[in-house]
Protein backbone atom coordinates (compact mmCIF):
# COMPACT_ATOMS: atom_id res chain seq x y z
CA MET A 1 -0.27 -23.54 -38.82
CA ASP A 2 -0.17 -26.07 -36.10
CA ARG A 3 2.14 -25.12 -33.19
CA SER A 4 3.65 -27.33 -30.63
CA PRO A 5 2.33 -27.36 -27.10
CA ILE A 6 5.86 -25.87 -26.02
CA SER A 7 5.65 -22.96 -28.61
CA ARG A 8 2.17 -22.25 -27.51
CA LEU A 9 3.43 -21.95 -24.05
CA ALA A 10 6.18 -19.73 -24.96
CA LEU A 11 3.97 -17.37 -26.69
CA ARG A 12 1.35 -17.45 -23.78
CA GLY A 13 4.35 -16.71 -21.53
CA LEU A 14 5.91 -13.83 -23.48
CA ALA A 15 2.05 -12.31 -24.22
CA GLY A 16 1.64 -12.54 -20.30
CA GLY A 17 4.92 -10.62 -19.72
CA LEU A 18 4.12 -8.07 -22.05
CA ILE A 19 0.63 -7.42 -20.35
CA ALA A 20 2.03 -7.61 -17.07
CA GLY A 21 4.65 -4.88 -18.25
CA VAL A 22 1.70 -2.80 -19.72
CA PHE A 23 -0.22 -2.82 -16.56
CA ALA A 24 3.14 -1.94 -14.32
CA ALA A 25 3.87 0.81 -16.72
CA LEU A 26 -0.08 1.95 -16.49
CA ALA A 27 0.23 1.65 -12.44
CA PHE A 28 3.44 3.20 -11.78
CA GLY A 29 3.88 5.38 -14.83
CA ASN A 30 7.01 3.46 -15.91
CA ILE A 31 8.95 0.34 -15.09
CA ALA A 32 11.78 2.33 -13.45
CA ASP A 33 9.05 3.80 -10.75
CA ALA A 34 8.00 0.18 -10.31
CA GLN A 35 11.46 -1.02 -9.39
CA ALA A 36 12.17 2.00 -7.27
CA ILE A 37 9.05 1.06 -5.01
CA ALA A 38 10.38 -2.51 -4.86
CA GLY A 39 13.75 -0.78 -3.40
CA PHE A 40 12.17 0.64 -0.35
CA ASP A 41 14.38 0.55 2.53
CA SER A 42 12.08 -0.59 5.43
CA ASP A 43 14.93 -0.34 7.90
CA GLN A 44 15.14 3.28 7.88
CA PRO A 45 14.46 5.35 11.19
CA VAL A 46 10.88 5.85 11.97
CA ASN A 47 9.81 9.50 13.00
CA TYR A 48 6.49 10.28 14.56
CA ALA A 49 4.44 13.35 15.75
CA ALA A 50 1.10 13.08 17.56
CA ASP A 51 -0.98 15.35 19.98
CA ARG A 52 -1.00 12.81 22.71
CA ILE A 53 1.44 9.68 23.28
CA GLU A 54 0.92 7.03 25.83
CA LEU A 55 3.56 4.56 26.30
CA GLN A 56 2.34 0.96 27.64
CA ASP A 57 5.70 -0.26 28.67
CA ARG A 58 4.47 -3.59 30.08
CA GLN A 59 2.55 -4.29 26.79
CA ASN A 60 5.54 -3.38 24.66
CA ARG A 61 3.45 -0.69 22.95
CA VAL A 62 3.00 2.89 22.40
CA VAL A 63 -0.22 4.60 21.46
CA LEU A 64 -0.53 7.80 19.56
CA SER A 65 -3.26 9.88 18.97
CA GLY A 66 -4.59 13.21 17.36
CA ASP A 67 -3.14 13.86 14.01
CA VAL A 68 -0.71 11.16 14.03
CA VAL A 69 2.15 11.40 11.54
CA ILE A 70 4.83 8.73 10.94
CA ASP A 71 7.37 9.31 8.60
CA GLN A 72 9.97 6.47 7.18
CA GLY A 73 12.26 7.67 4.56
CA ASP A 74 10.02 8.98 1.86
CA LEU A 75 6.81 7.06 3.32
CA ARG A 76 4.30 8.89 5.19
CA LEU A 77 1.58 7.34 7.16
CA THR A 78 -1.28 9.54 8.83
CA ALA A 79 -4.31 8.61 10.88
CA ALA A 80 -6.23 9.75 13.84
CA ARG A 81 -4.81 6.94 16.05
CA MET A 82 -1.92 4.39 16.00
CA THR A 83 -0.65 1.67 18.00
CA VAL A 84 2.96 0.78 17.88
CA ALA A 85 3.88 -2.65 19.00
CA TYR A 86 7.66 -3.28 19.67
CA THR A 87 10.13 -5.50 21.09
CA ASN A 88 12.73 -4.50 23.70
CA ALA A 89 15.21 -7.44 23.35
CA ASN A 90 18.52 -6.27 21.96
CA GLY A 91 17.11 -2.58 21.54
CA LEU A 92 13.85 -1.41 20.47
CA ARG A 93 12.46 -2.88 17.27
CA ILE A 94 9.09 -1.92 15.88
CA GLN A 95 7.17 -5.00 14.85
CA ARG A 96 3.75 -3.60 13.73
CA ILE A 97 1.90 -0.37 13.47
CA ASP A 98 -1.99 -0.61 13.81
CA ALA A 99 -3.78 2.73 12.49
CA THR A 100 -7.45 3.66 12.69
CA GLY A 101 -9.26 6.82 11.62
CA GLY A 102 -8.76 8.35 8.13
CA VAL A 103 -5.55 6.32 7.33
CA THR A 104 -3.42 7.48 4.70
CA VAL A 105 -0.17 6.36 3.21
CA ALA A 106 1.76 8.55 0.83
CA ARG A 107 4.86 8.13 -0.90
CA GLY A 108 5.92 10.62 -3.92
CA SER A 109 2.80 11.39 -6.21
CA GLU A 110 1.04 8.24 -4.74
CA ARG A 111 -1.67 8.13 -2.29
CA ALA A 112 -3.52 5.72 -0.71
CA SER A 113 -6.45 6.02 1.95
CA GLY A 114 -8.82 3.50 3.94
CA ALA A 115 -10.53 3.43 7.14
CA ALA A 116 -7.87 1.30 9.00
CA GLY A 117 -4.23 0.08 8.15
CA VAL A 118 -1.54 -2.29 9.47
CA TYR A 119 2.15 -1.89 8.79
CA ASP A 120 3.74 -5.08 9.41
CA PHE A 121 7.72 -4.57 9.72
CA ASN A 122 8.55 -8.05 9.91
CA ARG A 123 6.65 -9.11 6.68
CA ARG A 124 7.45 -5.56 5.07
CA VAL A 125 3.85 -5.28 4.08
CA ILE A 126 1.29 -2.37 4.40
CA VAL A 127 -2.58 -3.38 4.25
CA LEU A 128 -5.46 -0.79 4.12
CA SER A 129 -8.78 -1.61 4.32
CA GLY A 130 -12.39 -0.16 4.33
CA GLY A 131 -13.28 1.91 1.34
CA VAL A 132 -9.74 1.99 -0.02
CA SER A 133 -8.77 4.67 -2.61
CA LEU A 134 -5.48 4.70 -4.36
CA ARG A 135 -4.45 7.75 -6.50
CA ARG A 136 -1.75 8.67 -8.63
CA GLY A 137 -2.22 12.04 -10.34
CA ALA A 138 -5.50 11.53 -12.20
CA ASP A 139 -5.54 7.83 -11.98
CA THR A 140 -7.72 6.35 -9.62
CA LEU A 141 -8.57 2.84 -8.20
CA ASN A 142 -10.76 1.97 -5.48
CA GLY A 143 -11.39 -1.19 -3.49
CA GLY A 144 -11.97 -2.68 -0.20
CA ARG A 145 -8.56 -3.72 0.70
CA LEU A 146 -4.83 -2.61 -0.66
CA THR A 147 -1.81 -4.78 -0.04
CA ILE A 148 1.51 -3.21 -0.63
CA ASP A 149 4.42 -5.41 -0.32
CA LEU A 150 7.45 -3.24 0.27
CA ALA A 151 10.01 -5.98 -0.46
CA SER A 152 8.93 -6.75 -3.87
CA GLY A 153 6.91 -3.62 -4.95
CA LEU A 154 3.81 -5.71 -5.67
CA SER A 155 0.49 -3.95 -4.63
CA SER A 156 -2.79 -5.48 -5.06
CA VAL A 157 -6.35 -4.42 -4.60
CA ASP A 158 -9.36 -6.49 -3.95
CA GLY A 159 -13.22 -5.82 -3.15
CA ARG A 160 -13.16 -7.61 0.26
CA GLY A 161 -14.95 -5.35 2.91
CA ALA A 162 -15.94 -2.64 0.04
CA SER A 163 -19.64 -3.08 0.62
CA ALA A 164 -19.73 -0.60 3.64
CA PRO A 165 -22.18 2.14 3.20
CA GLY A 166 -20.75 5.12 1.22
CA THR A 167 -17.48 3.63 0.35
CA THR A 168 -16.08 3.16 -3.21
CA GLY A 169 -15.76 -0.08 -5.09
CA ALA A 170 -19.10 -1.11 -3.59
CA ASN A 171 -20.55 -4.65 -4.02
CA GLY A 172 -16.85 -6.16 -3.43
CA ARG A 173 -15.84 -4.80 -6.78
CA VAL A 174 -12.52 -2.98 -7.57
CA SER A 175 -13.18 -0.05 -9.72
CA GLY A 176 -11.17 3.08 -11.24
CA SER A 177 -10.09 5.09 -14.02
CA PHE A 178 -7.04 5.72 -16.12
CA THR A 179 -6.32 9.16 -17.80
CA VAL A 180 -5.89 8.78 -21.59
CA PRO A 181 -3.23 11.23 -23.10
CA LYS A 182 -4.90 13.70 -25.52
CA LYS A 183 -3.96 13.31 -29.33
CA ASP A 184 -1.84 15.73 -30.78
């Protein structure tokens, strides 16, 4: 059966869409969860707690250290140290948070960790790097760098920076495991 190039493209597009849907369902549990992540409101207030805070007003930044916890809605960012860059024009506005030392990002049942992290408020993107580990229940994903786009809900993991000694996802590769339901 000879198909026209247009029908072959349509079939490829349909197959690609189905495969993308299956991966989204595996990664997020179901499509509704994936859409909920895309709906994250990054304009919510940011609350913080730390053992020490240093205001560097001339540089427009705040340095938080010692068991730092930052909450924004149901998103929680923890690390040993964070630097918050802000602007003071028309009121205080956070631009970026740089975190180091056991960085963890948690939301609901999902938890991601790495050696360092950046939360860019302007782009609405969180990037974790250095032995990144992503967990959701028993499912795992390991690599070198995780990028979370809060606006679209798209997350990606690559192997860059994964070859540091003692990290998961060694040799610049992404690895992980999915749980398989037991047969009744």
